[in-house]
ModelCIF file with pLDDT and N, C-alpha, C, O atoms, coordinates in Angstrom:
data_MODEL
#
_entry.id   MODEL 
#
_entity.id                         1 
_entity.type                       polymer 
_entity.pdbx_number_of_molecules   1 
#
_entity_poly.entity_id                      1 
_entity_poly.type                           'polypeptide(L)' 
_entity_poly.nstd_linkage                   no 
_entity_poly.nstd_monomer                   no 
_entity_poly.pdbx_seq_one_letter_code       
;(UNK)(UNK)(UNK)(UNK)(UNK)(UNK)(UNK)(UNK)(UNK)(UNK)(UNK)(UNK)(UNK)(UNK)(UNK)(UNK)
(UNK)(UNK)(UNK)(UNK)(UNK)(UNK)(UNK)(UNK)(UNK)(UNK)(UNK)(UNK)(UNK)(UNK)(UNK)(UNK)
(UNK)(UNK)(UNK)(UNK)(UNK)
;
_entity_poly.pdbx_seq_one_letter_code_can   XXXXXXXXXXXXXXXXXXXXXXXXXXXXXXXXXXXXX 
_entity_poly.pdbx_strand_id                 A 
#
loop_
_entity_poly_seq.entity_id 
_entity_poly_seq.num 
_entity_poly_seq.mon_id 
_entity_poly_seq.hetero 
1 1  UNK n 
1 2  UNK n 
1 3  UNK n 
1 4  UNK n 
1 5  UNK n 
1 6  UNK n 
1 7  UNK n 
1 8  UNK n 
1 9  UNK n 
1 10 UNK n 
1 11 UNK n 
1 12 UNK n 
1 13 UNK n 
1 14 UNK n 
1 15 UNK n 
1 16 UNK n 
1 17 UNK n 
1 18 UNK n 
1 19 UNK n 
1 20 UNK n 
1 21 UNK n 
1 22 UNK n 
1 23 UNK n 
1 24 UNK n 
1 25 UNK n 
1 26 UNK n 
1 27 UNK n 
1 28 UNK n 
1 29 UNK n 
1 30 UNK n 
1 31 UNK n 
1 32 UNK n 
1 33 UNK n 
1 34 UNK n 
1 35 UNK n 
1 36 UNK n 
1 37 UNK n 
#
_struct_asym.id          A 
_struct_asym.entity_id   1 
#
loop_
_ma_qa_metric.id 
_ma_qa_metric.mode 
_ma_qa_metric.name 
_ma_qa_metric.software_group_id 
_ma_qa_metric.type 
1 global pLDDT . pLDDT 
2 local  pLDDT . pLDDT 
#
_ma_qa_metric_global.metric_id      1 
_ma_qa_metric_global.metric_value   90.73 
_ma_qa_metric_global.model_id       1 
_ma_qa_metric_global.ordinal_id     1 
#
loop_
_ma_qa_metric_local.label_asym_id 
_ma_qa_metric_local.label_comp_id 
_ma_qa_metric_local.label_seq_id 
_ma_qa_metric_local.metric_id 
_ma_qa_metric_local.metric_value 
_ma_qa_metric_local.model_id 
_ma_qa_metric_local.ordinal_id 
A UNK 1  2 75.00 1 1  
A UNK 2  2 77.00 1 2  
A UNK 3  2 81.00 1 3  
A UNK 4  2 87.00 1 4  
A UNK 5  2 82.00 1 5  
A UNK 6  2 84.00 1 6  
A UNK 7  2 85.00 1 7  
A UNK 8  2 86.00 1 8  
A UNK 9  2 90.00 1 9  
A UNK 10 2 92.00 1 10 
A UNK 11 2 91.00 1 11 
A UNK 12 2 91.00 1 12 
A UNK 13 2 94.00 1 13 
A UNK 14 2 90.00 1 14 
A UNK 15 2 89.00 1 15 
A UNK 16 2 92.00 1 16 
A UNK 17 2 94.00 1 17 
A UNK 18 2 95.00 1 18 
A UNK 19 2 96.00 1 19 
A UNK 20 2 97.00 1 20 
A UNK 21 2 97.00 1 21 
A UNK 22 2 96.00 1 22 
A UNK 23 2 94.00 1 23 
A UNK 24 2 92.00 1 24 
A UNK 25 2 88.00 1 25 
A UNK 26 2 87.00 1 26 
A UNK 27 2 92.00 1 27 
A UNK 28 2 93.00 1 28 
A UNK 29 2 92.00 1 29 
A UNK 30 2 93.00 1 30 
A UNK 31 2 95.00 1 31 
A UNK 32 2 95.00 1 32 
A UNK 33 2 94.00 1 33 
A UNK 34 2 94.00 1 34 
A UNK 35 2 95.00 1 35 
A UNK 36 2 95.00 1 36 
A UNK 37 2 97.00 1 37 
#
loop_
_atom_site.group_PDB 
_atom_site.id 
_atom_site.type_symbol 
_atom_site.label_atom_id 
_atom_site.label_alt_id 
_atom_site.label_comp_id 
_atom_site.label_asym_id 
_atom_site.label_entity_id 
_atom_site.label_seq_id 
_atom_site.pdbx_PDB_ins_code 
_atom_site.Cartn_x 
_atom_site.Cartn_y 
_atom_site.Cartn_z 
_atom_site.occupancy 
_atom_site.B_iso_or_equiv 
_atom_site.pdbx_formal_charge 
_atom_site.auth_seq_id 
_atom_site.auth_comp_id 
_atom_site.auth_asym_id 
_atom_site.auth_atom_id 
_atom_site.pdbx_PDB_model_num 
ATOM 1   N N  . UNK A 1 1  ? -38.713 -49.587 34.893 1.00 75.00 ? 1  UNK A N  1 
ATOM 2   C CA . UNK A 1 1  ? -38.407 -50.588 35.923 1.00 75.00 ? 1  UNK A CA 1 
ATOM 3   C C  . UNK A 1 1  ? -38.276 -52.004 35.378 1.00 75.00 ? 1  UNK A C  1 
ATOM 4   O O  . UNK A 1 1  ? -38.202 -52.950 36.163 1.00 75.00 ? 1  UNK A O  1 
ATOM 5   N N  . UNK A 1 2  ? -38.245 -52.184 34.051 1.00 77.00 ? 2  UNK A N  1 
ATOM 6   C CA . UNK A 1 2  ? -38.152 -53.535 33.497 1.00 77.00 ? 2  UNK A CA 1 
ATOM 7   C C  . UNK A 1 2  ? -36.873 -54.233 33.943 1.00 77.00 ? 2  UNK A C  1 
ATOM 8   O O  . UNK A 1 2  ? -36.860 -55.453 34.109 1.00 77.00 ? 2  UNK A O  1 
ATOM 9   N N  . UNK A 1 3  ? -35.795 -53.473 34.140 1.00 81.00 ? 3  UNK A N  1 
ATOM 10  C CA . UNK A 1 3  ? -34.523 -54.079 34.542 1.00 81.00 ? 3  UNK A CA 1 
ATOM 11  C C  . UNK A 1 3  ? -34.588 -54.675 35.938 1.00 81.00 ? 3  UNK A C  1 
ATOM 12  O O  . UNK A 1 3  ? -33.781 -55.538 36.284 1.00 81.00 ? 3  UNK A O  1 
ATOM 13  N N  . UNK A 1 4  ? -35.546 -54.221 36.746 1.00 87.00 ? 4  UNK A N  1 
ATOM 14  C CA . UNK A 1 4  ? -35.622 -54.681 38.134 1.00 87.00 ? 4  UNK A CA 1 
ATOM 15  C C  . UNK A 1 4  ? -36.773 -55.652 38.396 1.00 87.00 ? 4  UNK A C  1 
ATOM 16  O O  . UNK A 1 4  ? -36.810 -56.305 39.439 1.00 87.00 ? 4  UNK A O  1 
ATOM 17  N N  . UNK A 1 5  ? -37.696 -55.747 37.467 1.00 82.00 ? 5  UNK A N  1 
ATOM 18  C CA . UNK A 1 5  ? -38.868 -56.589 37.688 1.00 82.00 ? 5  UNK A CA 1 
ATOM 19  C C  . UNK A 1 5  ? -38.558 -58.031 37.295 1.00 82.00 ? 5  UNK A C  1 
ATOM 20  O O  . UNK A 1 5  ? -39.234 -58.618 36.450 1.00 82.00 ? 5  UNK A O  1 
ATOM 21  N N  . UNK A 1 6  ? -37.536 -58.582 37.915 1.00 84.00 ? 6  UNK A N  1 
ATOM 22  C CA . UNK A 1 6  ? -37.097 -59.947 37.643 1.00 84.00 ? 6  UNK A CA 1 
ATOM 23  C C  . UNK A 1 6  ? -37.204 -60.765 38.928 1.00 84.00 ? 6  UNK A C  1 
ATOM 24  O O  . UNK A 1 6  ? -36.891 -60.278 40.014 1.00 84.00 ? 6  UNK A O  1 
ATOM 25  N N  . UNK A 1 7  ? -37.646 -61.999 38.790 1.00 85.00 ? 7  UNK A N  1 
ATOM 26  C CA . UNK A 1 7  ? -37.857 -62.847 39.965 1.00 85.00 ? 7  UNK A CA 1 
ATOM 27  C C  . UNK A 1 7  ? -36.588 -62.995 40.794 1.00 85.00 ? 7  UNK A C  1 
ATOM 28  O O  . UNK A 1 7  ? -36.622 -62.896 42.020 1.00 85.00 ? 7  UNK A O  1 
ATOM 29  N N  . UNK A 1 8  ? -35.461 -63.236 40.111 1.00 86.00 ? 8  UNK A N  1 
ATOM 30  C CA . UNK A 1 8  ? -34.214 -63.474 40.845 1.00 86.00 ? 8  UNK A CA 1 
ATOM 31  C C  . UNK A 1 8  ? -33.805 -62.255 41.655 1.00 86.00 ? 8  UNK A C  1 
ATOM 32  O O  . UNK A 1 8  ? -33.219 -62.398 42.729 1.00 86.00 ? 8  UNK A O  1 
ATOM 33  N N  . UNK A 1 9  ? -34.102 -61.057 41.160 1.00 90.00 ? 9  UNK A N  1 
ATOM 34  C CA . UNK A 1 9  ? -33.761 -59.842 41.886 1.00 90.00 ? 9  UNK A CA 1 
ATOM 35  C C  . UNK A 1 9  ? -34.728 -59.611 43.043 1.00 90.00 ? 9  UNK A C  1 
ATOM 36  O O  . UNK A 1 9  ? -34.307 -59.347 44.169 1.00 90.00 ? 9  UNK A O  1 
ATOM 37  N N  . UNK A 1 10 ? -36.013 -59.712 42.761 1.00 92.00 ? 10 UNK A N  1 
ATOM 38  C CA . UNK A 1 10 ? -37.007 -59.408 43.785 1.00 92.00 ? 10 UNK A CA 1 
ATOM 39  C C  . UNK A 1 10 ? -36.949 -60.411 44.940 1.00 92.00 ? 10 UNK A C  1 
ATOM 40  O O  . UNK A 1 10 ? -37.271 -60.067 46.077 1.00 92.00 ? 10 UNK A O  1 
ATOM 41  N N  . UNK A 1 11 ? -36.545 -61.629 44.656 1.00 91.00 ? 11 UNK A N  1 
ATOM 42  C CA . UNK A 1 11 ? -36.456 -62.618 45.744 1.00 91.00 ? 11 UNK A CA 1 
ATOM 43  C C  . UNK A 1 11 ? -35.378 -62.251 46.751 1.00 91.00 ? 11 UNK A C  1 
ATOM 44  O O  . UNK A 1 11 ? -35.390 -62.750 47.877 1.00 91.00 ? 11 UNK A O  1 
ATOM 45  N N  . UNK A 1 12 ? -34.439 -61.379 46.361 1.00 91.00 ? 12 UNK A N  1 
ATOM 46  C CA . UNK A 1 12 ? -33.423 -60.961 47.334 1.00 91.00 ? 12 UNK A CA 1 
ATOM 47  C C  . UNK A 1 12 ? -34.045 -60.140 48.460 1.00 91.00 ? 12 UNK A C  1 
ATOM 48  O O  . UNK A 1 12 ? -33.432 -59.965 49.513 1.00 91.00 ? 12 UNK A O  1 
ATOM 49  N N  . UNK A 1 13 ? -35.273 -59.632 48.241 1.00 94.00 ? 13 UNK A N  1 
ATOM 50  C CA . UNK A 1 13 ? -35.968 -58.909 49.307 1.00 94.00 ? 13 UNK A CA 1 
ATOM 51  C C  . UNK A 1 13 ? -36.397 -59.844 50.437 1.00 94.00 ? 13 UNK A C  1 
ATOM 52  O O  . UNK A 1 13 ? -36.733 -59.388 51.530 1.00 94.00 ? 13 UNK A O  1 
ATOM 53  N N  . UNK A 1 14 ? -36.384 -61.141 50.174 1.00 90.00 ? 14 UNK A N  1 
ATOM 54  C CA . UNK A 1 14 ? -36.781 -62.100 51.204 1.00 90.00 ? 14 UNK A CA 1 
ATOM 55  C C  . UNK A 1 14 ? -35.770 -62.181 52.331 1.00 90.00 ? 14 UNK A C  1 
ATOM 56  O O  . UNK A 1 14 ? -36.021 -62.819 53.354 1.00 90.00 ? 14 UNK A O  1 
ATOM 57  N N  . UNK A 1 15 ? -34.632 -61.538 52.148 1.00 89.00 ? 15 UNK A N  1 
ATOM 58  C CA . UNK A 1 15 ? -33.634 -61.529 53.217 1.00 89.00 ? 15 UNK A CA 1 
ATOM 59  C C  . UNK A 1 15 ? -34.081 -60.689 54.414 1.00 89.00 ? 15 UNK A C  1 
ATOM 60  O O  . UNK A 1 15 ? -33.521 -60.811 55.503 1.00 89.00 ? 15 UNK A O  1 
ATOM 61  N N  . UNK A 1 16 ? -35.083 -59.844 54.213 1.00 92.00 ? 16 UNK A N  1 
ATOM 62  C CA . UNK A 1 16 ? -35.613 -59.061 55.334 1.00 92.00 ? 16 UNK A CA 1 
ATOM 63  C C  . UNK A 1 16 ? -36.980 -59.629 55.716 1.00 92.00 ? 16 UNK A C  1 
ATOM 64  O O  . UNK A 1 16 ? -37.690 -60.154 54.858 1.00 92.00 ? 16 UNK A O  1 
ATOM 65  N N  . UNK A 1 17 ? -37.358 -59.531 56.993 1.00 94.00 ? 17 UNK A N  1 
ATOM 66  C CA . UNK A 1 17 ? -38.662 -60.064 57.425 1.00 94.00 ? 17 UNK A CA 1 
ATOM 67  C C  . UNK A 1 17 ? -39.806 -59.397 56.666 1.00 94.00 ? 17 UNK A C  1 
ATOM 68  O O  . UNK A 1 17 ? -39.697 -58.250 56.233 1.00 94.00 ? 17 UNK A O  1 
ATOM 69  N N  . UNK A 1 18 ? -40.898 -60.133 56.514 1.00 95.00 ? 18 UNK A N  1 
ATOM 70  C CA . UNK A 1 18 ? -42.054 -59.624 55.788 1.00 95.00 ? 18 UNK A CA 1 
ATOM 71  C C  . UNK A 1 18 ? -42.516 -58.299 56.379 1.00 95.00 ? 18 UNK A C  1 
ATOM 72  O O  . UNK A 1 18 ? -42.707 -58.175 57.588 1.00 95.00 ? 18 UNK A O  1 
ATOM 73  N N  . UNK A 1 19 ? -42.692 -57.320 55.511 1.00 96.00 ? 19 UNK A N  1 
ATOM 74  C CA . UNK A 1 19 ? -43.038 -55.974 55.960 1.00 96.00 ? 19 UNK A CA 1 
ATOM 75  C C  . UNK A 1 19 ? -43.799 -55.262 54.845 1.00 96.00 ? 19 UNK A C  1 
ATOM 76  O O  . UNK A 1 19 ? -44.178 -55.889 53.855 1.00 96.00 ? 19 UNK A O  1 
ATOM 77  N N  . UNK A 1 20 ? -44.026 -53.955 54.999 1.00 97.00 ? 20 UNK A N  1 
ATOM 78  C CA . UNK A 1 20 ? -44.736 -53.147 54.013 1.00 97.00 ? 20 UNK A CA 1 
ATOM 79  C C  . UNK A 1 20 ? -43.719 -52.289 53.259 1.00 97.00 ? 20 UNK A C  1 
ATOM 80  O O  . UNK A 1 20 ? -42.963 -51.528 53.863 1.00 97.00 ? 20 UNK A O  1 
ATOM 81  N N  . UNK A 1 21 ? -43.712 -52.425 51.924 1.00 97.00 ? 21 UNK A N  1 
ATOM 82  C CA . UNK A 1 21 ? -42.743 -51.729 51.084 1.00 97.00 ? 21 UNK A CA 1 
ATOM 83  C C  . UNK A 1 21 ? -43.473 -50.751 50.170 1.00 97.00 ? 21 UNK A C  1 
ATOM 84  O O  . UNK A 1 21 ? -44.465 -51.101 49.531 1.00 97.00 ? 21 UNK A O  1 
ATOM 85  N N  . UNK A 1 22 ? -42.966 -49.516 50.119 1.00 96.00 ? 22 UNK A N  1 
ATOM 86  C CA . UNK A 1 22 ? -43.451 -48.531 49.163 1.00 96.00 ? 22 UNK A CA 1 
ATOM 87  C C  . UNK A 1 22 ? -42.609 -48.639 47.902 1.00 96.00 ? 22 UNK A C  1 
ATOM 88  O O  . UNK A 1 22 ? -41.380 -48.622 47.970 1.00 96.00 ? 22 UNK A O  1 
ATOM 89  N N  . UNK A 1 23 ? -43.260 -48.749 46.760 1.00 94.00 ? 23 UNK A N  1 
ATOM 90  C CA . UNK A 1 23 ? -42.536 -48.917 45.502 1.00 94.00 ? 23 UNK A CA 1 
ATOM 91  C C  . UNK A 1 23 ? -43.296 -48.251 44.369 1.00 94.00 ? 23 UNK A C  1 
ATOM 92  O O  . UNK A 1 23 ? -44.493 -47.996 44.499 1.00 94.00 ? 23 UNK A O  1 
ATOM 93  N N  . UNK A 1 24 ? -42.619 -47.961 43.253 1.00 92.00 ? 24 UNK A N  1 
ATOM 94  C CA . UNK A 1 24 ? -43.330 -47.498 42.059 1.00 92.00 ? 24 UNK A CA 1 
ATOM 95  C C  . UNK A 1 24 ? -44.311 -48.561 41.567 1.00 92.00 ? 24 UNK A C  1 
ATOM 96  O O  . UNK A 1 24 ? -44.207 -49.736 41.920 1.00 92.00 ? 24 UNK A O  1 
ATOM 97  N N  . UNK A 1 25 ? -45.247 -48.132 40.759 1.00 88.00 ? 25 UNK A N  1 
ATOM 98  C CA . UNK A 1 25 ? -46.356 -48.985 40.349 1.00 88.00 ? 25 UNK A CA 1 
ATOM 99  C C  . UNK A 1 25 ? -45.888 -50.268 39.666 1.00 88.00 ? 25 UNK A C  1 
ATOM 100 O O  . UNK A 1 25 ? -46.456 -51.335 39.899 1.00 88.00 ? 25 UNK A O  1 
ATOM 101 N N  . UNK A 1 26 ? -44.862 -50.173 38.828 1.00 87.00 ? 26 UNK A N  1 
ATOM 102 C CA . UNK A 1 26 ? -44.462 -51.326 38.027 1.00 87.00 ? 26 UNK A CA 1 
ATOM 103 C C  . UNK A 1 26 ? -43.794 -52.432 38.828 1.00 87.00 ? 26 UNK A C  1 
ATOM 104 O O  . UNK A 1 26 ? -43.699 -53.560 38.345 1.00 87.00 ? 26 UNK A O  1 
ATOM 105 N N  . UNK A 1 27 ? -43.331 -52.144 40.033 1.00 92.00 ? 27 UNK A N  1 
ATOM 106 C CA . UNK A 1 27 ? -42.649 -53.156 40.841 1.00 92.00 ? 27 UNK A CA 1 
ATOM 107 C C  . UNK A 1 27 ? -43.568 -53.842 41.839 1.00 92.00 ? 27 UNK A C  1 
ATOM 108 O O  . UNK A 1 27 ? -43.199 -54.864 42.417 1.00 92.00 ? 27 UNK A O  1 
ATOM 109 N N  . UNK A 1 28 ? -44.751 -53.300 42.047 1.00 93.00 ? 28 UNK A N  1 
ATOM 110 C CA . UNK A 1 28 ? -45.572 -53.759 43.166 1.00 93.00 ? 28 UNK A CA 1 
ATOM 111 C C  . UNK A 1 28 ? -46.030 -55.203 43.026 1.00 93.00 ? 28 UNK A C  1 
ATOM 112 O O  . UNK A 1 28 ? -45.898 -55.979 43.973 1.00 93.00 ? 28 UNK A O  1 
ATOM 113 N N  . UNK A 1 29 ? -46.566 -55.584 41.864 1.00 92.00 ? 29 UNK A N  1 
ATOM 114 C CA . UNK A 1 29 ? -47.070 -56.958 41.739 1.00 92.00 ? 29 UNK A CA 1 
ATOM 115 C C  . UNK A 1 29 ? -45.932 -57.966 41.741 1.00 92.00 ? 29 UNK A C  1 
ATOM 116 O O  . UNK A 1 29 ? -46.112 -59.098 42.192 1.00 92.00 ? 29 UNK A O  1 
ATOM 117 N N  . UNK A 1 30 ? -44.760 -57.572 41.243 1.00 93.00 ? 30 UNK A N  1 
ATOM 118 C CA . UNK A 1 30 ? -43.613 -58.472 41.327 1.00 93.00 ? 30 UNK A CA 1 
ATOM 119 C C  . UNK A 1 30 ? -43.225 -58.760 42.764 1.00 93.00 ? 30 UNK A C  1 
ATOM 120 O O  . UNK A 1 30 ? -42.878 -59.890 43.106 1.00 93.00 ? 30 UNK A O  1 
ATOM 121 N N  . UNK A 1 31 ? -43.284 -57.730 43.614 1.00 95.00 ? 31 UNK A N  1 
ATOM 122 C CA . UNK A 1 31 ? -43.003 -57.934 45.047 1.00 95.00 ? 31 UNK A CA 1 
ATOM 123 C C  . UNK A 1 31 ? -44.008 -58.904 45.643 1.00 95.00 ? 31 UNK A C  1 
ATOM 124 O O  . UNK A 1 31 ? -43.637 -59.784 46.420 1.00 95.00 ? 31 UNK A O  1 
ATOM 125 N N  . UNK A 1 32 ? -45.276 -58.753 45.286 1.00 95.00 ? 32 UNK A N  1 
ATOM 126 C CA . UNK A 1 32 ? -46.316 -59.639 45.820 1.00 95.00 ? 32 UNK A CA 1 
ATOM 127 C C  . UNK A 1 32 ? -46.071 -61.094 45.443 1.00 95.00 ? 32 UNK A C  1 
ATOM 128 O O  . UNK A 1 32 ? -46.164 -61.985 46.286 1.00 95.00 ? 32 UNK A O  1 
ATOM 129 N N  . UNK A 1 33 ? -45.757 -61.329 44.168 1.00 94.00 ? 33 UNK A N  1 
ATOM 130 C CA . UNK A 1 33 ? -45.716 -62.698 43.675 1.00 94.00 ? 33 UNK A CA 1 
ATOM 131 C C  . UNK A 1 33 ? -44.420 -63.418 44.058 1.00 94.00 ? 33 UNK A C  1 
ATOM 132 O O  . UNK A 1 33 ? -44.405 -64.643 44.184 1.00 94.00 ? 33 UNK A O  1 
ATOM 133 N N  . UNK A 1 34 ? -43.334 -62.663 44.244 1.00 94.00 ? 34 UNK A N  1 
ATOM 134 C CA . UNK A 1 34 ? -42.042 -63.307 44.479 1.00 94.00 ? 34 UNK A CA 1 
ATOM 135 C C  . UNK A 1 34 ? -41.575 -63.215 45.928 1.00 94.00 ? 34 UNK A C  1 
ATOM 136 O O  . UNK A 1 34 ? -40.556 -63.809 46.279 1.00 94.00 ? 34 UNK A O  1 
ATOM 137 N N  . UNK A 1 35 ? -42.293 -62.488 46.773 1.00 95.00 ? 35 UNK A N  1 
ATOM 138 C CA . UNK A 1 35 ? -41.891 -62.350 48.172 1.00 95.00 ? 35 UNK A CA 1 
ATOM 139 C C  . UNK A 1 35 ? -43.123 -62.449 49.066 1.00 95.00 ? 35 UNK A C  1 
ATOM 140 O O  . UNK A 1 35 ? -44.250 -62.590 48.592 1.00 95.00 ? 35 UNK A O  1 
ATOM 141 N N  . UNK A 1 36 ? -42.878 -62.372 50.365 1.00 95.00 ? 36 UNK A N  1 
ATOM 142 C CA . UNK A 1 36 ? -43.983 -62.373 51.329 1.00 95.00 ? 36 UNK A CA 1 
ATOM 143 C C  . UNK A 1 36 ? -44.339 -60.956 51.780 1.00 95.00 ? 36 UNK A C  1 
ATOM 144 O O  . UNK A 1 36 ? -45.163 -60.790 52.680 1.00 95.00 ? 36 UNK A O  1 
ATOM 145 N N  . UNK A 1 37 ? -43.738 -59.942 51.176 1.00 97.00 ? 37 UNK A N  1 
ATOM 146 C CA . UNK A 1 37 ? -43.968 -58.564 51.587 1.00 97.00 ? 37 UNK A CA 1 
ATOM 147 C C  . UNK A 1 37 ? -45.310 -58.036 51.092 1.00 97.00 ? 37 UNK A C  1 
ATOM 148 O O  . UNK A 1 37 ? -45.655 -56.884 51.356 1.00 97.00 ? 37 UNK A O  1 
#
């Protein structure tokens, strides 16, 4: 998941309202730090 654990990519998730996302282990902390999810 190194190709996806980038701030610029994960911030695109901010286009949806804050919610609960299921993800593989390597993406979870990136979602926390770069979004409100």
